[in-house]
Protein backbone atom coordinates (compact mmCIF):
# COMPACT_ATOMS: atom_id res chain seq x y z
CA GLN A 1 1.50 3.05 -26.68
CA ASP A 2 4.18 5.68 -26.13
CA GLY A 3 1.89 7.84 -23.96
CA TYR A 4 2.17 7.92 -20.19
CA ARG A 5 -1.34 6.49 -19.85
CA TYR A 6 -0.50 3.25 -21.63
CA HIS A 7 -0.11 0.13 -19.56
CA GLN A 8 -1.26 -3.45 -19.76
CA SER A 9 -4.25 -4.41 -17.66
CA PHE A 10 -6.24 -7.57 -17.07
CA SER A 11 -9.89 -8.33 -16.42
CA ILE A 12 -10.86 -9.97 -13.16
CA ASP A 13 -11.43 -13.23 -15.03
CA GLN A 14 -7.83 -13.12 -16.30
CA VAL A 15 -6.25 -12.52 -12.92
CA GLU A 16 -5.28 -16.18 -12.38
CA SER A 17 -3.99 -16.62 -15.95
CA ALA A 18 -0.36 -17.48 -16.66
CA GLU A 19 -0.01 -14.21 -18.59
CA ALA A 20 -1.20 -12.06 -15.70
CA LEU A 21 0.94 -13.84 -13.11
CA GLU A 22 4.02 -13.67 -15.37
CA PHE A 23 3.39 -9.95 -15.82
CA PHE A 24 3.20 -9.50 -12.05
CA GLU A 25 6.38 -11.50 -11.48
CA THR A 26 8.24 -9.47 -14.10
CA TYR A 27 7.05 -5.97 -13.31
CA GLY A 28 5.89 -6.17 -9.70
CA VAL A 29 2.53 -4.58 -10.49
CA LEU A 30 -0.80 -6.02 -11.59
CA ILE A 31 -3.57 -3.78 -12.90
CA ILE A 32 -7.09 -5.23 -12.73
CA ARG A 33 -9.75 -3.28 -14.63
CA ASP A 34 -13.43 -3.07 -13.68
CA ALA A 35 -12.98 -4.98 -10.43
CA LEU A 36 -15.95 -3.04 -9.01
CA ASP A 37 -19.22 -2.25 -10.73
CA SER A 38 -20.65 1.26 -11.08
CA SER A 39 -22.99 0.93 -8.10
CA GLN A 40 -20.09 -0.07 -5.83
CA VAL A 41 -18.02 2.88 -7.04
CA GLN A 42 -20.89 5.30 -6.47
CA GLY A 43 -21.52 3.87 -3.03
CA LEU A 44 -17.88 4.40 -2.05
CA ALA A 45 -17.91 7.95 -3.43
CA ASP A 46 -21.07 8.76 -1.46
CA ASP A 47 -19.53 7.27 1.67
CA MET A 48 -16.47 9.50 1.26
CA ASP A 49 -18.61 12.60 0.74
CA ASP A 50 -20.73 11.81 3.79
CA PHE A 51 -17.64 11.35 5.92
CA LEU A 52 -16.13 14.66 4.81
CA VAL A 53 -19.31 16.48 5.76
CA SER A 54 -19.60 14.83 9.18
CA HIS A 55 -15.86 14.83 9.92
CA GLY A 56 -15.45 18.53 9.25
CA ARG A 57 -11.65 18.66 9.55
CA GLY A 58 -10.67 18.65 5.89
CA LEU A 59 -7.93 16.77 4.07
CA SER A 60 -4.18 16.57 4.54
CA HIS A 61 -1.78 17.47 1.72
CA PHE A 62 -1.83 13.76 0.83
CA GLY A 63 -5.62 13.97 0.42
CA MET A 64 -6.42 11.86 3.50
CA PRO A 65 -8.90 12.87 6.23
CA LYS A 66 -6.98 14.78 8.89
CA GLY A 67 -6.48 13.01 12.19
CA ILE A 68 -7.74 9.65 10.92
CA ASN A 69 -5.56 6.55 10.47
CA ALA A 70 -8.19 3.88 9.84
CA LEU A 71 -11.84 3.97 8.72
CA PHE A 72 -14.51 1.34 9.46
CA SER A 73 -17.71 2.26 7.65
CA PRO A 74 -19.93 -0.62 6.44
CA THR A 75 -19.17 0.38 2.83
CA LEU A 76 -15.41 0.15 3.34
CA LEU A 77 -15.68 -3.11 5.25
CA ARG A 78 -17.65 -4.62 2.37
CA LEU A 79 -14.95 -3.42 -0.04
CA ARG A 80 -12.20 -5.20 1.91
CA GLN A 81 -14.19 -8.42 1.69
CA ASP A 82 -15.37 -8.00 -1.90
CA GLU A 83 -15.15 -11.22 -3.91
CA ASN A 84 -13.20 -9.64 -6.78
CA ILE A 85 -10.77 -7.81 -4.49
CA VAL A 86 -10.03 -10.98 -2.54
CA ARG A 87 -9.72 -12.96 -5.78
CA ALA A 88 -7.10 -10.54 -7.12
CA LEU A 89 -5.14 -10.61 -3.86
CA ARG A 90 -5.17 -14.41 -3.75
CA ALA A 91 -3.79 -14.57 -7.27
CA ALA A 92 -1.05 -12.00 -6.66
CA LEU A 93 0.01 -13.48 -3.32
CA GLY A 94 -0.34 -17.10 -4.37
CA VAL A 95 -2.22 -17.99 -1.17
CA GLU A 96 -5.80 -18.88 -0.27
CA ASP A 97 -6.10 -16.91 2.98
CA VAL A 98 -5.35 -13.19 2.85
CA VAL A 99 -5.19 -10.51 5.54
CA VAL A 100 -6.34 -7.04 4.45
CA SER A 101 -5.35 -3.97 6.43
CA HIS A 102 -7.85 -1.50 7.87
CA ASP A 103 -6.58 1.61 6.16
CA ARG A 104 -8.27 4.77 4.85
CA TRP A 105 -9.08 6.45 1.56
CA LEU A 106 -7.56 9.51 -0.05
CA MET A 107 -8.46 11.98 -2.77
CA HIS A 108 -5.78 12.97 -5.29
CA ARG A 109 -7.08 16.42 -6.09
CA PRO A 110 -6.19 18.09 -9.42
CA GLY A 111 -3.20 20.36 -8.92
CA ALA A 112 -2.30 19.07 -5.46
CA LYS A 113 1.31 17.91 -5.28
CA THR A 114 3.46 15.99 -2.84
CA ARG A 115 7.22 15.73 -2.85
CA ARG A 116 8.54 13.32 -5.47
CA ASN A 117 10.47 10.67 -3.59
CA LEU A 118 10.80 6.98 -2.98
CA HIS A 119 8.15 6.16 -0.39
CA LEU A 120 7.72 2.65 1.02
CA ASP A 121 5.16 1.73 3.66
CA PHE A 122 7.53 -0.62 5.46
CA ASN A 123 11.06 -0.50 6.84
CA PRO A 124 13.30 -2.32 4.31
CA PHE A 125 16.17 -2.65 6.78
CA ASP A 126 13.95 -4.60 9.14
CA TYR A 127 12.22 -6.48 6.31
CA PHE A 128 15.49 -7.77 4.80
CA ASP A 129 17.42 -8.16 8.08
CA LEU A 130 20.04 -5.67 6.92
CA HIS A 131 21.04 -4.27 10.29
CA ASN A 132 21.15 -7.18 12.70
CA GLU A 133 24.58 -6.02 13.82
CA MET A 134 22.94 -2.81 15.08
CA LYS A 135 20.35 -4.63 17.22
CA SER A 136 22.56 -5.98 20.00
CA GLY A 137 22.04 -9.56 18.88
CA VAL A 138 18.25 -9.29 18.60
CA SER A 139 17.01 -10.15 15.11
CA SER A 140 14.73 -7.88 13.10
CA ARG A 141 11.95 -10.50 13.24
CA GLN A 142 12.17 -10.53 17.04
CA GLN A 143 11.99 -6.74 17.12
CA ILE A 144 8.95 -6.77 14.85
CA ASN A 145 7.21 -9.48 16.88
CA SER A 146 7.77 -7.48 20.05
CA ARG A 147 6.27 -4.34 18.51
CA LEU A 148 3.27 -6.25 17.16
CA ASP A 149 2.67 -7.88 20.55
CA SER A 150 2.58 -4.45 22.19
CA LEU A 151 -0.11 -2.98 19.88
CA ARG A 152 -3.27 -1.76 21.60
CA TYR A 153 -6.39 -1.04 19.56
CA GLY A 154 -8.81 0.58 21.99
CA SER A 155 -8.03 4.25 21.37
CA ASN A 156 -5.16 3.93 18.90
CA ASP A 157 -6.44 3.64 15.33
CA ARG A 158 -2.85 3.77 14.06
CA ALA A 159 -2.37 0.25 15.41
CA PHE A 160 -4.42 -1.03 12.47
CA ILE A 161 -1.83 0.47 10.10
CA ALA A 162 1.11 -0.75 12.17
CA GLU A 163 0.04 -4.40 12.14
CA ASN A 164 0.29 -4.55 8.36
CA ASN A 165 3.28 -2.27 7.74
CA ASP A 166 5.63 -3.71 10.35
CA ILE A 167 6.62 -6.76 8.31
CA HIS A 168 9.50 -9.19 7.73
CA GLN A 169 10.31 -11.29 4.67
CA SER A 170 9.83 -14.49 6.68
CA MET A 171 6.13 -13.62 7.14
CA GLY A 172 5.38 -14.46 3.51
CA PRO A 173 4.33 -12.38 0.50
CA CYS A 174 2.88 -8.91 0.93
CA VAL A 175 1.41 -6.47 -1.60
CA GLN A 176 -0.01 -2.97 -1.46
CA ALA A 177 -3.40 -2.77 -3.14
CA ILE A 178 -4.91 0.47 -4.45
CA VAL A 179 -8.53 0.67 -5.60
CA ASN A 180 -9.02 3.58 -8.02
CA LEU A 181 -12.58 4.88 -8.20
CA THR A 182 -11.97 7.00 -11.31
CA ASP A 183 -9.87 6.63 -14.45
CA LEU A 184 -6.63 8.59 -14.55
CA THR A 185 -7.25 10.49 -17.76
CA ASP A 186 -4.34 12.92 -17.54
CA ALA A 187 -1.42 13.85 -15.31
CA SER A 188 -3.45 16.41 -13.31
CA CYS A 189 -5.51 13.59 -11.78
CA GLY A 190 -2.57 12.65 -9.58
CA GLY A 191 -1.87 9.09 -8.53
CA THR A 192 1.12 7.04 -7.50
CA ILE A 193 4.18 6.71 -9.74
CA LEU A 194 5.45 3.13 -9.84
CA VAL A 195 8.80 1.83 -11.08
CA PRO A 196 8.11 -1.44 -12.94
CA GLY A 197 10.53 -4.21 -11.99
CA SER A 198 11.95 -2.36 -8.98
CA HIS A 199 10.96 -5.22 -6.67
CA ARG A 200 13.76 -7.28 -8.23
CA ALA A 201 16.41 -4.73 -7.25
CA LEU A 202 14.95 -3.61 -3.94
CA ARG A 203 17.18 -5.59 -1.60
CA ASP A 204 20.39 -4.68 -3.44
CA PHE A 205 19.37 -1.01 -3.42
CA PHE A 206 19.23 -1.01 0.36
CA VAL A 207 22.33 -3.13 0.82
CA ASP A 208 24.16 -0.26 -0.90
CA GLY A 209 22.08 2.47 0.71
CA ARG A 210 22.32 1.34 4.32
CA ARG A 211 25.79 2.83 4.63
CA VAL A 212 24.39 6.32 4.10
CA ASP A 213 21.78 7.51 6.58
CA GLU A 214 19.35 4.79 7.53
CA THR A 215 18.22 6.52 10.72
CA GLN A 216 17.28 9.69 8.85
CA ARG A 217 15.38 7.95 6.07
CA CYS A 218 13.37 5.47 8.10
CA VAL A 219 10.31 7.09 9.63
CA GLY A 220 9.79 4.76 12.57
CA PRO A 221 9.53 1.01 12.00
CA MET A 222 6.90 1.23 9.24
CA GLN A 223 8.05 3.65 6.58
CA TYR A 224 11.02 4.66 4.44
CA ARG A 225 11.47 7.79 2.36
CA PHE A 226 14.33 8.69 0.06
CA ASP A 227 14.69 12.11 -1.56
CA SER A 228 17.10 12.65 -4.42
């Protein structure tokens, strides 16, 4: 239990249990094992391979297809509507109806590294209303609503990312879901590093941090990065 691979996980049938929900409330993360069966995993892997061959532009340093912000293959659409995935999201969010973003996949390749930093796929200053005084009397929620109203989807696949990252606390609960297709057996497999319990201190962290360099750390309205 002292190894880096140790963490508590829950089966899909335990996802609504008091133990699982208490774990999520305490640590801000919920790990569901075997949410997909082997045929679903293989189908997704084949879909990724087929896309790489047809796309022909390679992967970014993050392991995402270059020049692509959202993918819409039948296999991925079925994944976003999968009964177990939706069940887990309903439990974590505490709601019946969920909205799932149209995002993309990535491959964490052995040996590939990205900069170690705090990376959030939303703007915390907008989310928590921490800079109303900088908005000439217009609230963060009004700013967000205006940006969402201006999204156009015809030739802009990034709009599908924007509609789910440009968020405000008044919109209700929001989680970021990651579906791993392989087990992380050692550190070389890559993956995201999470800080358990950080959701409880998130607002206070940015109340202190906003005096530093908000404009440099916020990458547009949908992302925040902090390098030590």
